[in-house]
Amino acid sequence: VLRNQGNKIFGMMTHTCPIDYLPTEMFMSTKQN
Protein backbone atom coordinates (compact mmCIF):
# COMPACT_ATOMS: atom_id res chain seq x y z
CA VAL A 1 0.00 0.00 0.00
CA LEU A 2 2.81 2.42 0.84
CA ARG A 3 4.57 1.64 -2.45
CA ASN A 4 1.34 2.52 -4.26
CA GLN A 5 1.47 5.87 -2.44
CA GLY A 6 5.02 6.40 -3.73
CA ASN A 7 6.29 5.77 -0.17
CA LYS A 8 4.86 9.15 0.75
CA ILE A 9 2.09 9.73 3.28
CA PHE A 10 1.17 12.46 5.73
CA GLY A 11 1.30 10.28 8.84
CA MET A 12 1.86 6.86 10.37
CA MET A 13 -0.07 5.49 13.35
CA THR A 14 1.49 2.42 14.93
CA HIS A 15 1.35 0.74 18.32
CA THR A 16 5.10 0.40 18.73
CA CYS A 17 7.82 2.63 17.26
CA PRO A 18 10.67 2.33 14.73
CA ILE A 19 13.76 0.68 16.20
CA ASP A 20 15.91 3.84 16.34
CA TYR A 21 13.43 5.59 18.63
CA LEU A 22 13.06 3.07 21.44
CA PRO A 23 12.59 4.91 24.77
CA THR A 24 14.98 2.66 26.69
CA GLU A 25 14.38 4.61 29.91
CA MET A 26 10.91 3.07 30.02
CA PHE A 27 11.99 -0.56 29.69
CA MET A 28 11.00 -2.81 32.59
CA SER A 29 14.51 -4.31 32.68
CA THR A 30 16.06 -0.81 32.84
CA LYS A 31 13.88 0.16 35.79
CA GLN A 32 14.66 -3.13 37.51
CA ASN A 33 18.42 -2.62 37.08
PDB file of all heavy atoms in Angstrom:
ATOM      1  N   VAL A   1       0.835  -1.203   0.000  1.00  0.00           N
ATOM      2  CA  VAL A   1       0.000   0.000   0.000  1.00  0.00           C
ATOM      3  C   VAL A   1       0.873   1.257   0.000  1.00  0.00           C
ATOM      4  O   VAL A   1       0.593   2.230  -0.722  1.00  0.00           O
ATOM      5  CB  VAL A   1      -0.960  -0.006   1.205  1.00  0.00           C
ATOM      6  CG1 VAL A   1      -1.701   1.329   1.312  1.00  0.00           C
ATOM      7  CG2 VAL A   1      -1.963  -1.147   1.086  1.00  0.00           C
ATOM      8  N   LEU A   2       1.936   1.252   0.801  1.00  0.00           N
ATOM      9  CA  LEU A   2       2.814   2.420   0.839  1.00  0.00           C
ATOM     10  C   LEU A   2       3.546   2.614  -0.490  1.00  0.00           C
ATOM     11  O   LEU A   2       3.750   3.758  -0.929  1.00  0.00           O
ATOM     12  CB  LEU A   2       3.823   2.283   1.990  1.00  0.00           C
ATOM     13  CG  LEU A   2       3.249   2.478   3.399  1.00  0.00           C
ATOM     14  CD1 LEU A   2       4.314   2.197   4.446  1.00  0.00           C
ATOM     15  CD2 LEU A   2       2.668   3.877   3.588  1.00  0.00           C
ATOM     16  N   ARG A   3       3.932   1.528  -1.131  1.00  0.00           N
ATOM     17  CA  ARG A   3       4.568   1.643  -2.450  1.00  0.00           C
ATOM     18  C   ARG A   3       3.618   2.302  -3.445  1.00  0.00           C
ATOM     19  O   ARG A   3       4.029   3.133  -4.264  1.00  0.00           O
ATOM     20  CB  ARG A   3       4.995   0.268  -2.977  1.00  0.00           C
ATOM     21  CG  ARG A   3       6.322  -0.235  -2.441  1.00  0.00           C
ATOM     22  CD  ARG A   3       6.895  -1.340  -3.302  1.00  0.00           C
ATOM     23  NE  ARG A   3       5.963  -2.453  -3.462  1.00  0.00           N
ATOM     24  CZ  ARG A   3       5.886  -3.491  -2.634  1.00  0.00           C
ATOM     25  NH1 ARG A   3       6.700  -3.549  -1.581  1.00  0.00           N
ATOM     26  NH2 ARG A   3       5.026  -4.464  -2.849  1.00  0.00           N
ATOM     27  N   ASN A   4       2.332   1.916  -3.364  1.00  0.00           N
ATOM     28  CA  ASN A   4       1.340   2.517  -4.255  1.00  0.00           C
ATOM     29  C   ASN A   4       1.138   4.005  -3.981  1.00  0.00           C
ATOM     30  O   ASN A   4       0.613   4.729  -4.836  1.00  0.00           O
ATOM     31  CB  ASN A   4       0.000   1.786  -4.125  1.00  0.00           C
ATOM     32  CG  ASN A   4      -0.012   0.470  -4.878  1.00  0.00           C
ATOM     33  OD1 ASN A   4       0.898   0.172  -5.659  1.00  0.00           O
ATOM     34  ND2 ASN A   4      -1.036  -0.341  -4.656  1.00  0.00           N
ATOM     35  N   GLN A   5       1.527   4.446  -2.786  1.00  0.00           N
ATOM     36  CA  GLN A   5       1.475   5.868  -2.438  1.00  0.00           C
ATOM     37  C   GLN A   5       2.793   6.569  -2.768  1.00  0.00           C
ATOM     38  O   GLN A   5       2.992   7.733  -2.408  1.00  0.00           O
ATOM     39  CB  GLN A   5       1.172   6.039  -0.949  1.00  0.00           C
ATOM     40  CG  GLN A   5      -0.172   5.493  -0.502  1.00  0.00           C
ATOM     41  CD  GLN A   5      -1.341   6.312  -1.005  1.00  0.00           C
ATOM     42  OE1 GLN A   5      -1.297   7.535  -0.989  1.00  0.00           O
ATOM     43  NE2 GLN A   5      -2.399   5.642  -1.457  1.00  0.00           N
ATOM     44  N   GLY A   6       3.704   5.844  -3.431  1.00  0.00           N
ATOM     45  CA  GLY A   6       5.016   6.397  -3.734  1.00  0.00           C
ATOM     46  C   GLY A   6       5.876   6.540  -2.498  1.00  0.00           C
ATOM     47  O   GLY A   6       6.776   7.385  -2.450  1.00  0.00           O
ATOM     48  N   ASN A   7       5.603   5.680  -1.474  1.00  0.00           N
ATOM     49  CA  ASN A   7       6.294   5.765  -0.173  1.00  0.00           C
ATOM     50  C   ASN A   7       6.240   7.186   0.384  1.00  0.00           C
ATOM     51  O   ASN A   7       7.208   7.684   0.976  1.00  0.00           O
ATOM     52  CB  ASN A   7       7.745   5.286  -0.289  1.00  0.00           C
ATOM     53  CG  ASN A   7       7.826   3.775  -0.293  1.00  0.00           C
ATOM     54  OD1 ASN A   7       7.093   3.096   0.423  1.00  0.00           O
ATOM     55  ND2 ASN A   7       8.718   3.231  -1.103  1.00  0.00           N
ATOM     56  N   LYS A   8       5.079   7.807   0.211  1.00  0.00           N
ATOM     57  CA  LYS A   8       4.856   9.149   0.746  1.00  0.00           C
ATOM     58  C   LYS A   8       3.472   9.197   1.350  1.00  0.00           C
ATOM     59  O   LYS A   8       2.487   8.834   0.709  1.00  0.00           O
ATOM     60  CB  LYS A   8       4.978  10.200  -0.363  1.00  0.00           C
ATOM     61  CG  LYS A   8       4.805  11.626   0.119  1.00  0.00           C
ATOM     62  CD  LYS A   8       5.020  12.613  -1.017  1.00  0.00           C
ATOM     63  CE  LYS A   8       4.882  14.053  -0.529  1.00  0.00           C
ATOM     64  NZ  LYS A   8       5.111  15.041  -1.618  1.00  0.00           N
ATOM     65  N   ILE A   9       3.384   9.640   2.592  1.00  0.00           N
ATOM     66  CA  ILE A   9       2.092   9.732   3.279  1.00  0.00           C
ATOM     67  C   ILE A   9       2.203  10.796   4.367  1.00  0.00           C
ATOM     68  O   ILE A   9       3.309  11.056   4.887  1.00  0.00           O
ATOM     69  CB  ILE A   9       1.696   8.364   3.882  1.00  0.00           C
ATOM     70  CG1 ILE A   9       0.204   8.346   4.234  1.00  0.00           C
ATOM     71  CG2 ILE A   9       2.569   8.005   5.091  1.00  0.00           C
ATOM     72  CD1 ILE A   9      -0.341   6.956   4.442  1.00  0.00           C
ATOM     73  N   PHE A  10       1.096  11.414   4.712  1.00  0.00           N
ATOM     74  CA  PHE A  10       1.170  12.455   5.733  1.00  0.00           C
ATOM     75  C   PHE A  10       1.607  11.884   7.077  1.00  0.00           C
ATOM     76  O   PHE A  10       2.486  12.437   7.732  1.00  0.00           O
ATOM     77  CB  PHE A  10      -0.173  13.176   5.897  1.00  0.00           C
ATOM     78  CG  PHE A  10      -0.109  14.278   6.913  1.00  0.00           C
ATOM     79  CD1 PHE A  10       0.396  15.525   6.588  1.00  0.00           C
ATOM     80  CD2 PHE A  10      -0.529  14.063   8.224  1.00  0.00           C
ATOM     81  CE1 PHE A  10       0.490  16.536   7.539  1.00  0.00           C
ATOM     82  CE2 PHE A  10      -0.444  15.071   9.181  1.00  0.00           C
ATOM     83  CZ  PHE A  10       0.067  16.305   8.835  1.00  0.00           C
ATOM     84  N   GLY A  11       0.973  10.780   7.514  1.00  0.00           N
ATOM     85  CA  GLY A  11       1.301  10.281   8.843  1.00  0.00           C
ATOM     86  C   GLY A  11       1.214   8.773   8.980  1.00  0.00           C
ATOM     87  O   GLY A  11       0.520   8.096   8.228  1.00  0.00           O
ATOM     88  N   MET A  12       1.918   8.265   9.974  1.00  0.00           N
ATOM     89  CA  MET A  12       1.860   6.861  10.369  1.00  0.00           C
ATOM     90  C   MET A  12       1.275   6.792  11.776  1.00  0.00           C
ATOM     91  O   MET A  12       1.582   7.626  12.639  1.00  0.00           O
ATOM     92  CB  MET A  12       3.251   6.233  10.374  1.00  0.00           C
ATOM     93  CG  MET A  12       3.893   6.101   9.011  1.00  0.00           C
ATOM     94  SD  MET A  12       3.122   4.817   7.973  1.00  0.00           S
ATOM     95  CE  MET A  12       3.578   3.310   8.852  1.00  0.00           C
ATOM     96  N   MET A  13       0.435   5.796  12.010  1.00  0.00           N
ATOM     97  CA  MET A  13      -0.070   5.491  13.345  1.00  0.00           C
ATOM     98  C   MET A  13       0.236   4.026  13.620  1.00  0.00           C
ATOM     99  O   MET A  13      -0.284   3.138  12.937  1.00  0.00           O
ATOM    100  CB  MET A  13      -1.577   5.742  13.424  1.00  0.00           C
ATOM    101  CG  MET A  13      -1.977   7.181  13.315  1.00  0.00           C
ATOM    102  SD  MET A  13      -3.779   7.399  13.408  1.00  0.00           S
ATOM    103  CE  MET A  13      -3.909   9.187  13.269  1.00  0.00           C
ATOM    104  N   THR A  14       1.094   3.783  14.597  1.00  0.00           N
ATOM    105  CA  THR A  14       1.486   2.422  14.932  1.00  0.00           C
ATOM    106  C   THR A  14       1.410   2.233  16.445  1.00  0.00           C
ATOM    107  O   THR A  14       1.398   3.210  17.194  1.00  0.00           O
ATOM    108  CB  THR A  14       2.917   2.126  14.443  1.00  0.00           C
ATOM    109  OG1 THR A  14       3.841   3.050  15.047  1.00  0.00           O
ATOM    110  CG2 THR A  14       3.012   2.260  12.924  1.00  0.00           C
ATOM    111  N   HIS A  15       1.354   0.972  16.872  1.00  0.00           N
ATOM    112  CA  HIS A  15       1.353   0.743  18.322  1.00  0.00           C
ATOM    113  C   HIS A  15       2.754   0.918  18.876  1.00  0.00           C
ATOM    114  O   HIS A  15       2.961   1.683  19.816  1.00  0.00           O
ATOM    115  CB  HIS A  15       0.814  -0.636  18.642  1.00  0.00           C
ATOM    116  CG  HIS A  15       0.712  -0.896  20.120  1.00  0.00           C
ATOM    117  ND1 HIS A  15       0.064  -0.031  20.986  1.00  0.00           N
ATOM    118  CD2 HIS A  15       1.201  -1.910  20.906  1.00  0.00           C
ATOM    119  CE1 HIS A  15       0.139  -0.495  22.216  1.00  0.00           C
ATOM    120  NE2 HIS A  15       0.836  -1.616  22.204  1.00  0.00           N
ATOM    121  N   THR A  16       3.717   0.241  18.304  1.00  0.00           N
ATOM    122  CA  THR A  16       5.101   0.403  18.734  1.00  0.00           C
ATOM    123  C   THR A  16       5.799   1.378  17.782  1.00  0.00           C
ATOM    124  O   THR A  16       5.184   1.925  16.872  1.00  0.00           O
ATOM    125  CB  THR A  16       5.827  -0.948  18.795  1.00  0.00           C
ATOM    126  OG1 THR A  16       7.122  -0.769  19.380  1.00  0.00           O
ATOM    127  CG2 THR A  16       5.970  -1.581  17.432  1.00  0.00           C
ATOM    128  N   CYS A  17       7.103   1.599  18.014  1.00  0.00           N
ATOM    129  CA  CYS A  17       7.817   2.633  17.261  1.00  0.00           C
ATOM    130  C   CYS A  17       8.938   2.032  16.414  1.00  0.00           C
ATOM    131  O   CYS A  17       9.339   0.878  16.618  1.00  0.00           O
ATOM    132  CB  CYS A  17       8.411   3.660  18.229  1.00  0.00           C
ATOM    133  SG  CYS A  17       9.756   3.002  19.257  1.00  0.00           S
ATOM    134  N   PRO A  18       9.494   2.787  15.470  1.00  0.00           N
ATOM    135  CA  PRO A  18      10.669   2.327  14.729  1.00  0.00           C
ATOM    136  C   PRO A  18      11.852   2.099  15.668  1.00  0.00           C
ATOM    137  O   PRO A  18      11.980   2.765  16.700  1.00  0.00           O
ATOM    138  CB  PRO A  18      10.943   3.475  13.752  1.00  0.00           C
ATOM    139  CG  PRO A  18       9.636   4.202  13.631  1.00  0.00           C
ATOM    140  CD  PRO A  18       9.000   4.084  14.979  1.00  0.00           C
ATOM    141  N   ILE A  19      12.700   1.176  15.305  1.00  0.00           N
ATOM    142  CA  ILE A  19      13.765   0.683  16.199  1.00  0.00           C
ATOM    143  C   ILE A  19      14.684   1.786  16.715  1.00  0.00           C
ATOM    144  O   ILE A  19      15.123   1.734  17.870  1.00  0.00           O
ATOM    145  CB  ILE A  19      14.605  -0.405  15.471  1.00  0.00           C
ATOM    146  CG1 ILE A  19      15.587  -1.071  16.429  1.00  0.00           C
ATOM    147  CG2 ILE A  19      15.283   0.166  14.234  1.00  0.00           C
ATOM    148  CD1 ILE A  19      14.947  -1.944  17.474  1.00  0.00           C
ATOM    149  N   ASP A  20      14.966   2.800  15.911  1.00  0.00           N
ATOM    150  CA  ASP A  20      15.913   3.838  16.336  1.00  0.00           C
ATOM    151  C   ASP A  20      15.341   4.789  17.387  1.00  0.00           C
ATOM    152  O   ASP A  20      16.075   5.637  17.905  1.00  0.00           O
ATOM    153  CB  ASP A  20      16.373   4.662  15.128  1.00  0.00           C
ATOM    154  CG  ASP A  20      17.266   3.864  14.184  1.00  0.00           C
ATOM    155  OD1 ASP A  20      17.813   2.832  14.624  1.00  0.00           O
ATOM    156  OD2 ASP A  20      17.393   4.265  13.015  1.00  0.00           O
ATOM    157  N   TYR A  21      14.059   4.648  17.701  1.00  0.00           N
ATOM    158  CA  TYR A  21      13.429   5.590  18.626  1.00  0.00           C
ATOM    159  C   TYR A  21      12.950   4.931  19.917  1.00  0.00           C
ATOM    160  O   TYR A  21      12.130   5.495  20.639  1.00  0.00           O
ATOM    161  CB  TYR A  21      12.253   6.285  17.918  1.00  0.00           C
ATOM    162  CG  TYR A  21      12.700   7.140  16.759  1.00  0.00           C
ATOM    163  CD1 TYR A  21      12.812   6.590  15.482  1.00  0.00           C
ATOM    164  CD2 TYR A  21      13.046   8.470  16.933  1.00  0.00           C
ATOM    165  CE1 TYR A  21      13.242   7.365  14.408  1.00  0.00           C
ATOM    166  CE2 TYR A  21      13.469   9.252  15.875  1.00  0.00           C
ATOM    167  CZ  TYR A  21      13.570   8.685  14.614  1.00  0.00           C
ATOM    168  OH  TYR A  21      14.007   9.470  13.554  1.00  0.00           O
ATOM    169  N   LEU A  22      13.469   3.771  20.220  1.00  0.00           N
ATOM    170  CA  LEU A  22      13.055   3.071  21.439  1.00  0.00           C
ATOM    171  C   LEU A  22      13.347   3.917  22.677  1.00  0.00           C
ATOM    172  O   LEU A  22      14.486   4.348  22.883  1.00  0.00           O
ATOM    173  CB  LEU A  22      13.783   1.731  21.563  1.00  0.00           C
ATOM    174  CG  LEU A  22      13.432   0.652  20.542  1.00  0.00           C
ATOM    175  CD1 LEU A  22      14.371  -0.548  20.705  1.00  0.00           C
ATOM    176  CD2 LEU A  22      11.984   0.201  20.701  1.00  0.00           C
ATOM    177  N   PRO A  23      12.350   4.160  23.532  1.00  0.00           N
ATOM    178  CA  PRO A  23      12.592   4.906  24.774  1.00  0.00           C
ATOM    179  C   PRO A  23      13.125   3.964  25.854  1.00  0.00           C
ATOM    180  O   PRO A  23      12.383   3.505  26.727  1.00  0.00           O
ATOM    181  CB  PRO A  23      11.197   5.447  25.115  1.00  0.00           C
ATOM    182  CG  PRO A  23      10.269   4.402  24.585  1.00  0.00           C
ATOM    183  CD  PRO A  23      10.917   3.822  23.364  1.00  0.00           C
ATOM    184  N   THR A  24      14.397   3.680  25.817  1.00  0.00           N
ATOM    185  CA  THR A  24      14.978   2.657  26.694  1.00  0.00           C
ATOM    186  C   THR A  24      14.788   2.980  28.175  1.00  0.00           C
ATOM    187  O   THR A  24      14.812   2.074  29.013  1.00  0.00           O
ATOM    188  CB  THR A  24      16.478   2.492  26.394  1.00  0.00           C
ATOM    189  OG1 THR A  24      17.129   3.769  26.512  1.00  0.00           O
ATOM    190  CG2 THR A  24      16.686   1.971  24.981  1.00  0.00           C
ATOM    191  N   GLU A  25      14.587   4.252  28.503  1.00  0.00           N
ATOM    192  CA  GLU A  25      14.384   4.615  29.909  1.00  0.00           C
ATOM    193  C   GLU A  25      13.090   4.046  30.473  1.00  0.00           C
ATOM    194  O   GLU A  25      12.916   3.984  31.690  1.00  0.00           O
ATOM    195  CB  GLU A  25      14.404   6.140  30.074  1.00  0.00           C
ATOM    196  CG  GLU A  25      13.194   6.870  29.529  1.00  0.00           C
ATOM    197  CD  GLU A  25      13.297   7.232  28.054  1.00  0.00           C
ATOM    198  OE1 GLU A  25      14.107   6.598  27.343  1.00  0.00           O
ATOM    199  OE2 GLU A  25      12.564   8.137  27.621  1.00  0.00           O
ATOM    200  N   MET A  26      12.198   3.601  29.582  1.00  0.00           N
ATOM    201  CA  MET A  26      10.915   3.067  30.022  1.00  0.00           C
ATOM    202  C   MET A  26      10.890   1.534  30.083  1.00  0.00           C
ATOM    203  O   MET A  26       9.882   0.954  30.484  1.00  0.00           O
ATOM    204  CB  MET A  26       9.799   3.545  29.089  1.00  0.00           C
ATOM    205  CG  MET A  26       9.591   5.040  29.068  1.00  0.00           C
ATOM    206  SD  MET A  26       9.243   5.711  30.709  1.00  0.00           S
ATOM    207  CE  MET A  26       7.685   4.908  31.086  1.00  0.00           C
ATOM    208  N   PHE A  27      11.971   0.896  29.703  1.00  0.00           N
ATOM    209  CA  PHE A  27      11.990  -0.560  29.691  1.00  0.00           C
ATOM    210  C   PHE A  27      11.904  -1.112  31.108  1.00  0.00           C
ATOM    211  O   PHE A  27      12.536  -0.585  32.034  1.00  0.00           O
ATOM    212  CB  PHE A  27      13.249  -1.093  29.018  1.00  0.00           C
ATOM    213  CG  PHE A  27      13.289  -0.871  27.529  1.00  0.00           C
ATOM    214  CD1 PHE A  27      14.370  -1.282  26.782  1.00  0.00           C
ATOM    215  CD2 PHE A  27      12.238  -0.243  26.877  1.00  0.00           C
ATOM    216  CE1 PHE A  27      14.410  -1.097  25.411  1.00  0.00           C
ATOM    217  CE2 PHE A  27      12.269  -0.037  25.504  1.00  0.00           C
ATOM    218  CZ  PHE A  27      13.364  -0.465  24.769  1.00  0.00           C
ATOM    219  N   MET A  28      11.154  -2.187  31.280  1.00  0.00           N
ATOM    220  CA  MET A  28      11.003  -2.811  32.590  1.00  0.00           C
ATOM    221  C   MET A  28      12.349  -3.282  33.129  1.00  0.00           C
ATOM    222  O   MET A  28      12.643  -3.166  34.320  1.00  0.00           O
ATOM    223  CB  MET A  28      10.020  -3.980  32.507  1.00  0.00           C
ATOM    224  CG  MET A  28       8.598  -3.557  32.181  1.00  0.00           C
ATOM    225  SD  MET A  28       7.481  -4.942  31.882  1.00  0.00           S
ATOM    226  CE  MET A  28       7.354  -5.633  33.534  1.00  0.00           C
ATOM    227  N   SER A  29      13.190  -3.821  32.248  1.00  0.00           N
ATOM    228  CA  SER A  29      14.507  -4.306  32.678  1.00  0.00           C
ATOM    229  C   SER A  29      15.394  -3.145  33.115  1.00  0.00           C
ATOM    230  O   SER A  29      16.188  -3.268  34.063  1.00  0.00           O
ATOM    231  CB  SER A  29      15.187  -5.074  31.540  1.00  0.00           C
ATOM    232  OG  SER A  29      15.244  -4.286  30.364  1.00  0.00           O
ATOM    233  N   THR A  30      15.273  -1.986  32.457  1.00  0.00           N
ATOM    234  CA  THR A  30      16.058  -0.810  32.837  1.00  0.00           C
ATOM    235  C   THR A  30      15.662  -0.328  34.222  1.00  0.00           C
ATOM    236  O   THR A  30      16.522  -0.035  35.070  1.00  0.00           O
ATOM    237  CB  THR A  30      15.843   0.327  31.814  1.00  0.00           C
ATOM    238  OG1 THR A  30      16.259  -0.112  30.526  1.00  0.00           O
ATOM    239  CG2 THR A  30      16.633   1.560  32.210  1.00  0.00           C
ATOM    240  N   LYS A  31      14.349  -0.263  34.469  1.00  0.00           N
ATOM    241  CA  LYS A  31      13.875   0.158  35.794  1.00  0.00           C
ATOM    242  C   LYS A  31      14.304  -0.821  36.869  1.00  0.00           C
ATOM    243  O   LYS A  31      14.677  -0.437  37.986  1.00  0.00           O
ATOM    244  CB  LYS A  31      12.356   0.283  35.766  1.00  0.00           C
ATOM    245  CG  LYS A  31      11.850   1.423  34.893  1.00  0.00           C
ATOM    246  CD  LYS A  31      10.338   1.501  34.931  1.00  0.00           C
ATOM    247  CE  LYS A  31       9.829   2.670  34.117  1.00  0.00           C
ATOM    248  NZ  LYS A  31       8.354   2.789  34.148  1.00  0.00           N
ATOM    249  N   GLN A  32      14.272  -2.111  36.538  1.00  0.00           N
ATOM    250  CA  GLN A  32      14.661  -3.131  37.506  1.00  0.00           C
ATOM    251  C   GLN A  32      16.140  -3.016  37.845  1.00  0.00           C
ATOM    252  O   GLN A  32      16.538  -3.136  39.011  1.00  0.00           O
ATOM    253  CB  GLN A  32      14.373  -4.514  36.919  1.00  0.00           C
ATOM    254  CG  GLN A  32      14.724  -5.671  37.850  1.00  0.00           C
ATOM    255  CD  GLN A  32      14.260  -7.002  37.289  1.00  0.00           C
ATOM    256  OE1 GLN A  32      13.175  -7.450  37.581  1.00  0.00           O
ATOM    257  NE2 GLN A  32      15.083  -7.603  36.443  1.00  0.00           N
ATOM    258  N   ASN A  33      16.973  -2.759  36.835  1.00  0.00           N
ATOM    259  CA  ASN A  33      18.415  -2.623  37.075  1.00  0.00           C
ATOM    260  C   ASN A  33      18.719  -1.418  37.957  1.00  0.00           C
ATOM    261  O   ASN A  33      19.651  -1.453  38.781  1.00  0.00           O
ATOM    262  CB  ASN A  33      19.159  -2.499  35.739  1.00  0.00           C
ATOM    263  CG  ASN A  33      19.176  -3.805  34.976  1.00  0.00           C
ATOM    264  OD1 ASN A  33      19.042  -4.881  35.566  1.00  0.00           O
ATOM    265  ND2 ASN A  33      19.336  -3.725  33.662  1.00  0.00           N
TER     266      ASN A  33
END
